């Protein structure tokens, strides 16, 4: 999951990219946003320059490669005119853990080279990038996309998370109002839904938010003059919702690095969404940092006794648990899926 940083800030302080704080967690990184301050102009300020002059490349601009290119290997070399030549391999589905699909782009410096040009090399020692990347001195232009716009995503706000939502609401409410404590972006390659071409056209990025709420896990009425209530329930500590319905999944069943979540959609048909294991691991890491303990089972037992100490007679009792939810939304703000993590070590009671 990615936070955003303005390009102007990174140009002033490039060391930010190499000093990512450990609080960002695993499987995280930066999305660079070209802001107004980083824009350059020519023709006495009349024309905006679209050619990029330096790294890093902004991710809120169209820099399009339709499929993930894979490096050729030495075994892919062929003989051409008595010389060994590199034969580009066909594009393959992207795998973030495949070193042959990872390239290092660097400025190209030569006496005869066009200024502000680049070249790429493979992270795999025996890999060769596709020709259009490995040729020395290529340039790259930007285009403002019409299908998405990235804004500020600062990751987790630890202070907000520690405050927890307000507990001032009626017992008639099943939960408190959601309270957003974190925001990230996820590129489409980590979320699987429908045909790839349709997905890219609809949402190049997904907005990931973390929100908190108090959710009722137990309630009862006072049918006598009891001053104590026993809470004894077995509940799921983790739930996922796809298409508005509860989903099922098996984290041990990973297909091409993807865990699939399936539900009976609100329209009657089955709905399914896949998340790459990197995203699932990142969510679990964030939850563990917040004290959540899923254990080996998805069900937990809560057994405790609450005592009424206010004086007088109470009529209704409710026990609430802190729930943290990751929401995945498309760029048009439509909801794709929600992942709930229930913190049963953080309980609050309400009497009326």
Protein backbone atom coordinates (compact mmCIF):
# COMPACT_ATOMS: atom_id res chain seq x y z
CA UNK A 1 0.00 0.00 0.00
CA UNK A 2 1.32 3.41 -0.96
CA UNK A 3 1.32 6.89 0.54
CA UNK A 4 1.75 9.96 -1.66
CA UNK A 5 4.51 12.54 -1.76
CA UNK A 6 4.59 15.73 -3.89
CA UNK A 7 7.29 15.75 -6.55
CA UNK A 8 8.48 19.22 -5.50
CA UNK A 9 9.29 17.90 -2.01
CA UNK A 10 11.28 14.96 -3.39
CA UNK A 11 13.24 17.19 -5.77
CA UNK A 12 14.22 19.39 -2.84
CA UNK A 13 14.98 16.45 -0.53
CA UNK A 14 15.73 13.33 -2.61
CA UNK A 15 16.99 11.51 0.49
CA UNK A 16 13.34 10.99 1.50
CA UNK A 17 13.08 8.15 -1.00
CA UNK A 18 15.97 6.24 0.57
CA UNK A 19 15.01 6.82 4.21
CA UNK A 20 11.51 5.36 4.38
CA UNK A 21 10.52 5.11 8.06
CA UNK A 22 9.99 1.64 9.50
CA UNK A 23 6.52 2.75 10.64
CA UNK A 24 5.34 2.45 7.02
CA UNK A 25 5.48 -1.33 7.38
CA UNK A 26 6.15 -4.08 4.81
CA UNK A 27 4.85 -3.98 1.24
CA UNK A 28 4.60 -0.21 1.26
CA UNK A 29 6.08 2.65 -0.72
CA UNK A 30 5.59 6.10 -2.22
CA UNK A 31 3.48 7.34 -5.11
CA UNK A 32 4.96 10.53 -6.51
CA UNK A 33 2.46 13.27 -7.39
CA UNK A 34 3.44 15.99 -9.83
CA UNK A 35 2.22 19.14 -8.11
CA UNK A 36 1.98 22.70 -9.40
CA UNK A 37 5.28 23.70 -7.82
CA UNK A 38 7.14 20.98 -9.75
CA UNK A 39 5.69 21.97 -13.14
CA UNK A 40 8.13 23.62 -15.57
CA UNK A 41 7.41 25.94 -18.48
CA UNK A 42 9.05 27.15 -21.68
CA UNK A 43 8.41 29.91 -24.25
CA UNK A 44 8.59 32.53 -21.51
CA UNK A 45 6.11 30.67 -19.34
CA UNK A 46 3.49 30.15 -22.04
CA UNK A 47 3.93 26.40 -22.58
CA UNK A 48 3.94 23.69 -19.95
CA UNK A 49 6.75 21.17 -20.43
CA UNK A 50 5.49 17.60 -20.78
CA UNK A 51 8.90 15.95 -21.08
CA UNK A 52 10.24 14.71 -17.76
CA UNK A 53 13.67 16.03 -16.92
CA UNK A 54 14.61 13.91 -13.92
CA UNK A 55 13.64 11.05 -11.68
CA UNK A 56 11.38 10.12 -9.96
CA UNK A 57 8.54 9.74 -12.45
CA UNK A 58 5.12 10.95 -11.22
CA UNK A 59 2.35 8.38 -10.85
CA UNK A 60 -0.53 10.81 -11.26
CA UNK A 61 0.30 11.15 -14.96
CA UNK A 62 -0.24 8.75 -17.84
CA UNK A 63 2.97 6.76 -18.43
CA UNK A 64 1.34 3.77 -20.05
CA UNK A 65 2.60 0.25 -20.73
CA UNK A 66 -0.37 -1.95 -21.50
CA UNK A 67 1.11 -5.17 -20.09
CA UNK A 68 3.92 -5.93 -17.71
CA UNK A 69 7.14 -6.35 -19.65
CA UNK A 70 9.52 -9.11 -18.62
CA UNK A 71 13.28 -9.07 -19.03
CA UNK A 72 14.78 -11.45 -21.53
CA UNK A 73 17.48 -13.80 -20.26
CA UNK A 74 20.70 -14.94 -21.81
CA UNK A 75 18.90 -18.09 -22.93
CA UNK A 76 16.55 -15.88 -24.98
CA UNK A 77 19.45 -14.53 -27.06
CA UNK A 78 19.54 -15.53 -30.72
CA UNK A 79 22.21 -15.44 -33.42
CA UNK A 80 21.76 -12.67 -35.97
CA UNK A 81 24.36 -11.97 -38.67
CA UNK A 82 26.88 -14.08 -36.75
CA UNK A 83 26.26 -11.97 -33.60
CA UNK A 84 24.43 -12.69 -30.40
CA UNK A 85 21.21 -10.61 -30.20
CA UNK A 86 18.61 -10.20 -27.47
CA UNK A 87 15.14 -11.39 -28.41
CA UNK A 88 12.43 -9.67 -26.39
CA UNK A 89 10.05 -12.08 -24.67
CA UNK A 90 6.30 -11.54 -24.85
CA UNK A 91 4.61 -9.55 -22.05
CA UNK A 92 3.33 -11.66 -19.16
CA UNK A 93 0.94 -11.07 -16.23
CA UNK A 94 2.68 -8.95 -13.63
CA UNK A 95 4.16 -10.59 -10.55
CA UNK A 96 5.60 -8.03 -8.06
CA UNK A 97 8.03 -10.67 -6.78
CA UNK A 98 9.47 -11.47 -10.19
CA UNK A 99 12.88 -9.79 -10.48
CA UNK A 100 12.71 -10.09 -14.27
CA UNK A 101 9.76 -7.67 -14.27
CA UNK A 102 11.65 -5.05 -12.28
CA UNK A 103 13.83 -2.41 -13.89
CA UNK A 104 16.12 0.28 -12.57
CA UNK A 105 15.79 3.50 -14.55
CA UNK A 106 18.65 5.98 -14.45
CA UNK A 107 19.57 9.22 -16.24
CA UNK A 108 21.61 8.67 -19.39
CA UNK A 109 24.69 10.85 -19.61
CA UNK A 110 26.73 11.03 -22.80
CA UNK A 111 28.21 13.78 -24.92
CA UNK A 112 25.90 13.06 -27.85
CA UNK A 113 22.84 12.20 -25.77
CA UNK A 114 19.66 14.25 -25.70
CA UNK A 115 19.40 16.16 -22.48
CA UNK A 116 16.95 14.70 -19.91
CA UNK A 117 17.14 11.17 -21.34
CA UNK A 118 17.20 7.79 -19.58
CA UNK A 119 18.09 4.12 -19.84
CA UNK A 120 17.02 1.03 -17.90
CA UNK A 121 18.69 -2.11 -16.61
CA UNK A 122 17.23 -5.28 -15.15
CA UNK A 123 17.35 -6.03 -11.43
CA UNK A 124 18.04 -9.64 -12.39
CA UNK A 125 21.75 -10.11 -13.07
CA UNK A 126 21.10 -12.12 -16.25
CA UNK A 127 18.12 -10.07 -17.43
CA UNK A 128 17.73 -7.69 -20.37
CA UNK A 129 14.91 -5.11 -20.41
CA UNK A 130 12.73 -4.85 -23.54
CA UNK A 131 14.36 -2.86 -26.31
CA UNK A 132 12.44 0.39 -25.83
CA UNK A 133 13.74 0.53 -22.23
CA UNK A 134 17.26 -0.83 -22.65
CA UNK A 135 18.14 1.44 -25.56
CA UNK A 136 20.17 4.34 -24.26
CA UNK A 137 18.88 7.89 -24.39
CA UNK A 138 15.08 7.51 -24.51
CA UNK A 139 12.83 10.29 -23.25
CA UNK A 140 9.43 10.20 -21.61
CA UNK A 141 6.48 12.58 -21.75
CA UNK A 142 3.52 12.99 -19.43
CA UNK A 143 -0.17 13.37 -20.06
CA UNK A 144 -2.80 14.31 -17.51
CA UNK A 145 -5.19 11.35 -17.22
CA UNK A 146 -8.93 11.82 -17.56
CA UNK A 147 -9.91 8.69 -15.62
CA UNK A 148 -8.27 9.31 -12.25
CA UNK A 149 -6.80 11.94 -9.96
CA UNK A 150 -4.56 11.21 -6.99
CA UNK A 151 -4.73 13.42 -3.93
CA UNK A 152 -3.03 13.34 -0.55
CA UNK A 153 -2.73 9.94 1.12
CA UNK A 154 -0.63 10.18 4.25
CA UNK A 155 -0.91 6.59 5.46
CA UNK A 156 -1.77 5.92 9.10
CA UNK A 157 -2.42 8.75 11.55
CA UNK A 158 -1.20 7.10 14.76
CA UNK A 159 -2.55 9.85 17.02
CA UNK A 160 -6.05 9.60 15.57
CA UNK A 161 -5.95 5.82 15.80
CA UNK A 162 -5.04 5.93 19.48
CA UNK A 163 -7.93 8.28 20.30
CA UNK A 164 -10.68 5.85 19.17
CA UNK A 165 -14.18 6.99 18.10
CA UNK A 166 -16.52 8.85 20.44
CA UNK A 167 -18.68 6.60 22.60
CA UNK A 168 -21.58 9.05 22.91
CA UNK A 169 -24.45 7.36 21.07
CA UNK A 170 -27.68 5.57 21.87
CA UNK A 171 -27.92 1.88 22.72
CA UNK A 172 -30.40 1.57 19.87
CA UNK A 173 -27.50 2.04 17.44
CA UNK A 174 -25.67 -1.08 16.34
CA UNK A 175 -22.44 0.88 15.93
CA UNK A 176 -20.89 4.31 16.22
CA UNK A 177 -20.17 6.49 13.20
CA UNK A 178 -17.03 5.37 11.30
CA UNK A 179 -13.89 7.38 11.98
CA UNK A 180 -11.14 7.41 9.31
CA UNK A 181 -7.60 7.04 10.71
CA UNK A 182 -5.56 6.16 7.60
CA UNK A 183 -5.48 6.44 3.82
CA UNK A 184 -3.38 4.76 1.13
CA UNK A 185 -3.49 3.94 -2.57
CA UNK A 186 -3.10 0.54 -4.17
CA UNK A 187 -2.28 0.18 -7.89
CA UNK A 188 -4.65 -2.07 -9.82
CA UNK A 189 -2.03 -4.83 -10.07
CA UNK A 190 -2.67 -5.76 -6.42
CA UNK A 191 -6.47 -5.98 -6.77
CA UNK A 192 -8.19 -8.42 -9.14
CA UNK A 193 -11.74 -7.85 -10.36
CA UNK A 194 -13.18 -8.69 -13.77
CA UNK A 195 -11.29 -8.53 -17.05
CA UNK A 196 -7.95 -6.70 -16.86
CA UNK A 197 -8.76 -4.31 -19.73
CA UNK A 198 -12.07 -3.31 -18.11
CA UNK A 199 -10.44 -2.95 -14.71
CA UNK A 200 -7.70 -0.62 -15.97
CA UNK A 201 -10.25 1.51 -17.81
CA UNK A 202 -12.37 1.80 -14.68
CA UNK A 203 -9.79 2.21 -11.92
CA UNK A 204 -6.01 2.40 -12.29
CA UNK A 205 -5.74 2.86 -8.54
CA UNK A 206 -7.82 1.91 -5.52
CA UNK A 207 -8.31 4.11 -2.48
CA UNK A 208 -7.68 2.18 0.73
CA UNK A 209 -8.93 3.70 3.98
CA UNK A 210 -8.73 2.42 7.54
CA UNK A 211 -11.64 3.40 9.75
CA UNK A 212 -12.66 2.65 13.32
CA UNK A 213 -16.06 2.15 14.92
CA UNK A 214 -17.60 0.68 18.06
CA UNK A 215 -19.78 -2.30 17.13
CA UNK A 216 -22.34 -3.99 19.38
CA UNK A 217 -21.44 -7.62 20.10
CA UNK A 218 -23.91 -8.33 22.93
CA UNK A 219 -27.12 -6.79 24.31
CA UNK A 220 -29.76 -7.67 26.90
CA UNK A 221 -32.63 -6.21 28.91
CA UNK A 222 -33.05 -6.16 32.67
CA UNK A 223 -35.93 -8.46 33.49
CA UNK A 224 -35.38 -8.29 37.24
CA UNK A 225 -33.19 -6.32 39.59
CA UNK A 226 -29.88 -7.69 38.38
CA UNK A 227 -26.78 -5.60 38.92
CA UNK A 228 -24.53 -7.90 36.91
CA UNK A 229 -24.50 -9.06 33.32
CA UNK A 230 -22.56 -12.03 31.97
CA UNK A 231 -21.25 -11.59 28.44
CA UNK A 232 -20.53 -14.97 26.86
CA UNK A 233 -20.41 -15.02 23.06
CA UNK A 234 -18.37 -16.63 20.28
CA UNK A 235 -17.76 -14.31 17.34
CA UNK A 236 -15.66 -14.04 14.21
CA UNK A 237 -12.66 -11.79 14.68
CA UNK A 238 -12.27 -11.20 10.95
CA UNK A 239 -14.90 -10.63 8.25
CA UNK A 240 -14.81 -9.61 4.59
CA UNK A 241 -17.66 -8.15 2.54
CA UNK A 242 -17.78 -8.19 -1.27
CA UNK A 243 -20.65 -6.73 -3.24
CA UNK A 244 -22.37 -5.84 0.00
CA UNK A 245 -22.48 -9.47 1.17
CA UNK A 246 -20.34 -11.50 3.52
CA UNK A 247 -17.52 -13.31 1.72
CA UNK A 248 -15.70 -16.59 2.23
CA UNK A 249 -12.00 -17.19 1.58
CA UNK A 250 -9.10 -19.48 2.34
CA UNK A 251 -5.75 -17.81 2.97
CA UNK A 252 -4.02 -21.14 2.43
CA UNK A 253 -5.40 -21.29 -1.10
CA UNK A 254 -3.23 -18.85 -3.04
CA UNK A 255 -3.52 -18.85 -6.84
CA UNK A 256 -0.71 -17.03 -8.66
CA UNK A 257 -0.06 -14.93 -5.57
CA UNK A 258 -3.73 -13.96 -5.18
CA UNK A 259 -6.26 -14.77 -2.43
CA UNK A 260 -9.84 -14.78 -3.71
CA UNK A 261 -12.82 -13.55 -1.69
CA UNK A 262 -16.22 -14.75 -2.91
CA UNK A 263 -19.74 -13.80 -1.89
CA UNK A 264 -23.31 -14.06 -3.10
CA UNK A 265 -23.67 -10.59 -4.56
CA UNK A 266 -26.62 -8.33 -3.82
CA UNK A 267 -27.89 -8.92 -7.37
CA UNK A 268 -28.16 -12.67 -6.86
CA UNK A 269 -24.99 -13.75 -8.71
CA UNK A 270 -21.65 -14.57 -7.18
CA UNK A 271 -19.19 -11.71 -6.70
CA UNK A 272 -15.46 -12.24 -6.31
CA UNK A 273 -12.47 -10.00 -5.71
CA UNK A 274 -8.83 -11.04 -5.44
CA UNK A 275 -6.13 -9.43 -3.34
CA UNK A 276 -2.47 -10.16 -3.79
CA UNK A 277 -0.84 -11.68 -0.73
CA UNK A 278 1.27 -8.52 -0.32
CA UNK A 279 -1.87 -6.50 0.45
CA UNK A 280 -3.25 -9.12 2.85
CA UNK A 281 0.09 -9.31 4.65
CA UNK A 282 0.22 -5.52 4.89
CA UNK A 283 -3.27 -5.33 6.43
CA UNK A 284 -2.46 -8.08 8.93
CA UNK A 285 0.77 -6.31 9.89
CA UNK A 286 -1.10 -3.05 10.48
CA UNK A 287 -3.68 -4.82 12.61
CA UNK A 288 -1.05 -6.65 14.66
CA UNK A 289 0.60 -3.29 15.31
CA UNK A 290 -2.74 -2.10 16.69
CA UNK A 291 -3.00 -5.06 19.07
CA UNK A 292 -5.26 -7.34 17.02
CA UNK A 293 -4.59 -11.05 17.49
CA UNK A 294 -6.35 -13.26 14.99
CA UNK A 295 -4.69 -16.43 16.20
CA UNK A 296 -5.07 -19.66 14.27
CA UNK A 297 -8.87 -19.52 14.25
CA UNK A 298 -11.23 -16.86 12.94
CA UNK A 299 -13.54 -17.22 15.93
CA UNK A 300 -12.95 -15.92 19.44
CA UNK A 301 -14.86 -16.33 22.69
CA UNK A 302 -15.63 -13.34 24.88
CA UNK A 303 -16.50 -14.22 28.46
CA UNK A 304 -16.70 -11.49 31.07
CA UNK A 305 -18.95 -10.15 33.84
CA UNK A 306 -20.03 -6.49 33.86
CA UNK A 307 -21.40 -4.83 37.00
CA UNK A 308 -23.76 -1.85 37.10
CA UNK A 309 -22.43 0.74 39.58
CA UNK A 310 -24.44 3.85 38.74
CA UNK A 311 -27.21 3.26 41.28
CA UNK A 312 -30.89 2.91 40.49
CA UNK A 313 -32.22 0.45 37.95
CA UNK A 314 -30.91 -0.11 34.44
CA UNK A 315 -33.14 -1.24 31.55
CA UNK A 316 -30.79 -2.05 28.69
CA UNK A 317 -27.17 -3.15 28.41
CA UNK A 318 -24.86 -3.26 25.43
CA UNK A 319 -21.26 -4.43 25.00
CA UNK A 320 -19.26 -2.95 22.12
CA UNK A 321 -15.95 -3.96 20.55
CA UNK A 322 -13.57 -1.77 18.59
CA UNK A 323 -13.67 -2.73 14.90
CA UNK A 324 -11.14 -1.54 12.33
CA UNK A 325 -12.19 -1.75 8.70
CA UNK A 326 -10.16 -1.48 5.50
CA UNK A 327 -12.33 -0.16 2.67
CA UNK A 328 -11.22 -0.61 -0.95
CA UNK A 329 -12.84 1.90 -3.31
CA UNK A 330 -12.43 2.57 -7.00
CA UNK A 331 -11.48 6.01 -8.25
CA UNK A 332 -15.17 6.78 -8.81
CA UNK A 333 -15.65 6.15 -5.05
CA UNK A 334 -17.70 2.98 -5.57
CA UNK A 335 -16.99 0.36 -2.90
CA UNK A 336 -15.23 -2.86 -3.96
CA UNK A 337 -14.78 -4.67 -0.65
CA UNK A 338 -14.41 -4.19 3.09
CA UNK A 339 -12.21 -6.13 5.54
CA UNK A 340 -13.19 -6.02 9.22
CA UNK A 341 -10.83 -6.80 12.10
CA UNK A 342 -12.45 -7.01 15.53
CA UNK A 343 -10.34 -5.99 18.50
CA UNK A 344 -11.93 -7.99 21.29
CA UNK A 345 -9.25 -6.79 23.71
CA UNK A 346 -10.83 -3.33 23.45
CA UNK A 347 -14.38 -3.53 24.83
CA UNK A 348 -16.73 -0.89 26.20
CA UNK A 349 -20.09 -1.23 27.91
CA UNK A 350 -23.13 1.01 27.86
CA UNK A 351 -26.09 1.03 30.27
CA UNK A 352 -29.43 2.79 29.85
